[in-house]
Structures are given as structure tokens and as C-alpha cells.
Amino acid sequence: MRKRELVYVHGLLAEVRSYIEESADGSLDTSYDEMEVTPASIHLGKAAHERAVFALAGDLAEKQIANDDQAIAAD
């Protein structure tokens, strides 16, 4: 994937995270927060955005799996 595409995907994942935080009425504590890379950090290299995309996607997936497990346990 090209850097421009990674930055775009990074931005989309950041928007998904914002939506989830607004829906859940709270912030997500993730490993992504420890990184100093945001979609607006276009001065950083492709590798930095790639790590951020993988971290954010993994954190969002873990959050969804945890929510699904809670929903199953509640049934």
C-alpha cells in the first residue's frame, strides 16, 4: 500500500474510533494512544502510519470482540 493510501485508511479508522467513543459515551484506552502518530502526521514515514493502522485496527477489533462476548454472556 502506498503512503497516501495508508494515511487515508488511518484517517478512516480514526473516524470509526471517534464514532465508537461517542456511541459508548467514553474514551477507548488503546495501545494506539501511546503512539505519537495521527492521520494528520503526514510528515512521518509510511512505516509509522502502517504501525498506527495495525495498532488501531487491532484495538478496535479487540473492543468489538469484548462487546460481543458481553452480549453473549448477557443472553
N, C-alpha and C. Protein backbone atom coordinates (compact mmCIF):
# COMPACT_ATOMS: atom_id res chain seq x y z
N MET A 1 0.84 -1.16 0.00
CA MET A 1 0.00 0.00 0.00
C MET A 1 0.90 1.24 0.00
N ARG A 2 0.49 2.23 -0.71
CA ARG A 2 1.24 3.49 -0.75
C ARG A 2 0.98 4.32 0.51
N LYS A 3 1.89 5.24 0.78
CA LYS A 3 1.77 6.08 1.97
C LYS A 3 0.46 6.86 1.96
N ARG A 4 0.11 7.41 0.83
CA ARG A 4 -1.13 8.19 0.74
C ARG A 4 -2.34 7.32 1.10
N GLU A 5 -2.33 6.09 0.64
CA GLU A 5 -3.44 5.18 0.95
C GLU A 5 -3.45 4.84 2.44
N LEU A 6 -2.27 4.63 3.02
CA LEU A 6 -2.19 4.34 4.46
C LEU A 6 -2.71 5.50 5.29
N VAL A 7 -2.36 6.71 4.89
CA VAL A 7 -2.84 7.89 5.62
C VAL A 7 -4.35 7.97 5.52
N TYR A 8 -4.91 7.64 4.36
CA TYR A 8 -6.36 7.65 4.17
C TYR A 8 -7.03 6.60 5.07
N VAL A 9 -6.50 5.38 5.07
CA VAL A 9 -7.06 4.32 5.91
C VAL A 9 -6.91 4.69 7.38
N HIS A 10 -5.79 5.28 7.73
CA HIS A 10 -5.56 5.74 9.10
C HIS A 10 -6.64 6.74 9.50
N GLY A 11 -6.95 7.67 8.62
CA GLY A 11 -8.00 8.65 8.89
C GLY A 11 -9.36 8.00 9.05
N LEU A 12 -9.66 7.02 8.21
CA LEU A 12 -10.94 6.33 8.31
C LEU A 12 -11.06 5.58 9.64
N LEU A 13 -10.00 4.89 10.03
CA LEU A 13 -10.03 4.17 11.30
C LEU A 13 -10.16 5.14 12.49
N ALA A 14 -9.53 6.29 12.39
CA ALA A 14 -9.67 7.30 13.45
C ALA A 14 -11.12 7.77 13.55
N GLU A 15 -11.79 7.92 12.41
CA GLU A 15 -13.20 8.31 12.42
C GLU A 15 -14.07 7.22 13.02
N VAL A 16 -13.77 5.96 12.72
CA VAL A 16 -14.51 4.83 13.31
C VAL A 16 -14.32 4.85 14.82
N ARG A 17 -13.10 5.09 15.26
CA ARG A 17 -12.84 5.16 16.69
C ARG A 17 -13.65 6.28 17.35
N SER A 18 -13.67 7.43 16.71
CA SER A 18 -14.44 8.56 17.25
C SER A 18 -15.91 8.21 17.36
N TYR A 19 -16.44 7.54 16.35
CA TYR A 19 -17.84 7.13 16.36
C TYR A 19 -18.11 6.16 17.51
N ILE A 20 -17.22 5.20 17.70
CA ILE A 20 -17.40 4.22 18.78
C ILE A 20 -17.33 4.91 20.13
N GLU A 21 -16.40 5.85 20.29
CA GLU A 21 -16.29 6.57 21.55
C GLU A 21 -17.54 7.39 21.83
N GLU A 22 -18.11 8.02 20.82
CA GLU A 22 -19.34 8.79 21.01
C GLU A 22 -20.50 7.88 21.34
N SER A 23 -20.57 6.72 20.71
CA SER A 23 -21.65 5.77 20.96
C SER A 23 -21.56 5.16 22.35
N ALA A 24 -20.34 4.93 22.82
CA ALA A 24 -20.12 4.28 24.10
C ALA A 24 -20.05 5.28 25.25
N ASP A 25 -20.12 6.56 24.95
CA ASP A 25 -20.03 7.60 25.97
C ASP A 25 -18.77 7.49 26.82
N GLY A 26 -17.67 7.26 26.18
CA GLY A 26 -16.40 7.18 26.89
C GLY A 26 -15.26 6.99 25.92
N SER A 27 -14.07 7.18 26.40
CA SER A 27 -12.92 7.02 25.52
C SER A 27 -12.40 5.60 25.59
N LEU A 28 -11.77 5.19 24.51
CA LEU A 28 -11.15 3.88 24.45
C LEU A 28 -9.69 4.04 24.85
N ASP A 29 -9.26 3.26 25.81
CA ASP A 29 -7.85 3.25 26.17
C ASP A 29 -7.18 2.18 25.33
N THR A 30 -6.32 2.61 24.44
CA THR A 30 -5.73 1.68 23.49
C THR A 30 -4.22 1.86 23.42
N SER A 31 -3.56 0.87 22.83
CA SER A 31 -2.13 0.98 22.60
C SER A 31 -1.84 2.04 21.55
N TYR A 32 -2.82 2.33 20.72
CA TYR A 32 -2.68 3.37 19.70
C TYR A 32 -2.43 4.73 20.34
N ASP A 33 -3.01 4.95 21.50
CA ASP A 33 -2.85 6.24 22.19
C ASP A 33 -1.40 6.52 22.56
N GLU A 34 -0.63 5.47 22.78
CA GLU A 34 0.77 5.63 23.16
C GLU A 34 1.64 6.05 21.98
N MET A 35 1.14 5.83 20.78
CA MET A 35 1.88 6.21 19.58
C MET A 35 1.70 7.70 19.34
N GLU A 36 2.69 8.31 18.79
CA GLU A 36 2.60 9.74 18.50
C GLU A 36 2.36 9.96 17.02
N VAL A 37 1.46 9.15 16.46
CA VAL A 37 1.15 9.23 15.04
C VAL A 37 -0.36 9.43 14.90
N THR A 38 -0.74 10.45 14.19
CA THR A 38 -2.15 10.69 13.89
C THR A 38 -2.30 10.76 12.38
N PRO A 39 -3.51 10.71 11.87
CA PRO A 39 -3.68 10.84 10.42
C PRO A 39 -3.13 12.16 9.88
N ALA A 40 -3.07 13.17 10.71
CA ALA A 40 -2.56 14.47 10.28
C ALA A 40 -1.03 14.52 10.27
N SER A 41 -0.37 13.49 10.76
CA SER A 41 1.09 13.46 10.81
C SER A 41 1.67 13.03 9.47
N ILE A 42 1.37 13.80 8.45
CA ILE A 42 1.80 13.39 7.11
C ILE A 42 3.30 13.52 6.90
N HIS A 43 3.98 14.23 7.81
CA HIS A 43 5.42 14.36 7.71
C HIS A 43 6.14 13.07 8.12
N LEU A 44 5.45 12.18 8.82
CA LEU A 44 6.05 10.91 9.22
C LEU A 44 6.04 9.93 8.06
N GLY A 45 6.86 8.93 8.15
CA GLY A 45 7.01 7.98 7.06
C GLY A 45 5.90 6.95 6.97
N LYS A 46 5.98 6.20 5.91
CA LYS A 46 5.00 5.16 5.64
C LYS A 46 4.97 4.11 6.75
N ALA A 47 6.13 3.72 7.25
CA ALA A 47 6.20 2.70 8.29
C ALA A 47 5.48 3.13 9.57
N ALA A 48 5.59 4.41 9.92
CA ALA A 48 4.92 4.91 11.13
C ALA A 48 3.40 4.82 10.97
N HIS A 49 2.89 5.18 9.81
CA HIS A 49 1.45 5.09 9.58
C HIS A 49 1.00 3.64 9.50
N GLU A 50 1.84 2.77 8.96
CA GLU A 50 1.49 1.36 8.88
C GLU A 50 1.36 0.77 10.29
N ARG A 51 2.31 1.09 11.17
CA ARG A 51 2.22 0.60 12.55
C ARG A 51 0.98 1.16 13.24
N ALA A 52 0.67 2.42 13.00
CA ALA A 52 -0.51 3.04 13.62
C ALA A 52 -1.80 2.40 13.13
N VAL A 53 -1.87 2.11 11.83
CA VAL A 53 -3.06 1.47 11.26
C VAL A 53 -3.27 0.09 11.88
N PHE A 54 -2.20 -0.69 11.96
CA PHE A 54 -2.32 -2.03 12.54
C PHE A 54 -2.69 -1.96 14.02
N ALA A 55 -2.10 -1.03 14.75
CA ALA A 55 -2.42 -0.90 16.18
C ALA A 55 -3.87 -0.48 16.38
N LEU A 56 -4.31 0.50 15.62
CA LEU A 56 -5.68 1.00 15.77
C LEU A 56 -6.70 -0.05 15.33
N ALA A 57 -6.44 -0.71 14.23
CA ALA A 57 -7.35 -1.76 13.76
C ALA A 57 -7.43 -2.90 14.78
N GLY A 58 -6.30 -3.29 15.33
CA GLY A 58 -6.29 -4.35 16.34
C GLY A 58 -7.04 -3.94 17.59
N ASP A 59 -6.84 -2.71 18.03
CA ASP A 59 -7.54 -2.22 19.23
C ASP A 59 -9.06 -2.17 19.01
N LEU A 60 -9.47 -1.72 17.84
CA LEU A 60 -10.90 -1.66 17.54
C LEU A 60 -11.50 -3.06 17.45
N ALA A 61 -10.75 -3.99 16.88
CA ALA A 61 -11.24 -5.38 16.80
C ALA A 61 -11.37 -5.99 18.18
N GLU A 62 -10.39 -5.76 19.04
CA GLU A 62 -10.46 -6.28 20.41
C GLU A 62 -11.66 -5.71 21.16
N LYS A 63 -11.92 -4.42 20.97
CA LYS A 63 -13.07 -3.78 21.62
C LYS A 63 -14.36 -4.41 21.14
N GLN A 64 -14.47 -4.67 19.85
CA GLN A 64 -15.68 -5.27 19.31
C GLN A 64 -15.86 -6.70 19.81
N ILE A 65 -14.78 -7.45 19.88
CA ILE A 65 -14.86 -8.82 20.38
C ILE A 65 -15.29 -8.82 21.84
N ALA A 66 -14.76 -7.89 22.63
CA ALA A 66 -15.15 -7.79 24.04
C ALA A 66 -16.63 -7.45 24.16
N ASN A 67 -17.12 -6.56 23.31
CA ASN A 67 -18.55 -6.20 23.33
C ASN A 67 -19.40 -7.39 22.94
N ASP A 68 -18.96 -8.16 21.95
CA ASP A 68 -19.71 -9.34 21.53
C ASP A 68 -19.75 -10.39 22.64
N ASP A 69 -18.62 -10.57 23.34
CA ASP A 69 -18.58 -11.53 24.45
C ASP A 69 -19.52 -11.11 25.58
N GLN A 70 -19.60 -9.81 25.85
CA GLN A 70 -20.50 -9.32 26.88
C GLN A 70 -21.95 -9.53 26.47
N ALA A 71 -22.25 -9.33 25.21
CA ALA A 71 -23.61 -9.51 24.72
C ALA A 71 -24.02 -10.99 24.80
N ILE A 72 -23.09 -11.87 24.49
CA ILE A 72 -23.38 -13.32 24.56
C ILE A 72 -23.59 -13.73 26.01
N ALA A 73 -22.76 -13.21 26.90
CA ALA A 73 -22.88 -13.56 28.33
C ALA A 73 -24.20 -13.04 28.92
N ALA A 74 -24.68 -11.92 28.40
CA ALA A 74 -25.92 -11.35 28.91
C ALA A 74 -27.14 -12.16 28.47
N ASP A 75 -27.01 -12.86 27.36
CA ASP A 75 -28.14 -13.67 26.87
C ASP A 75 -28.24 -14.90 27.64
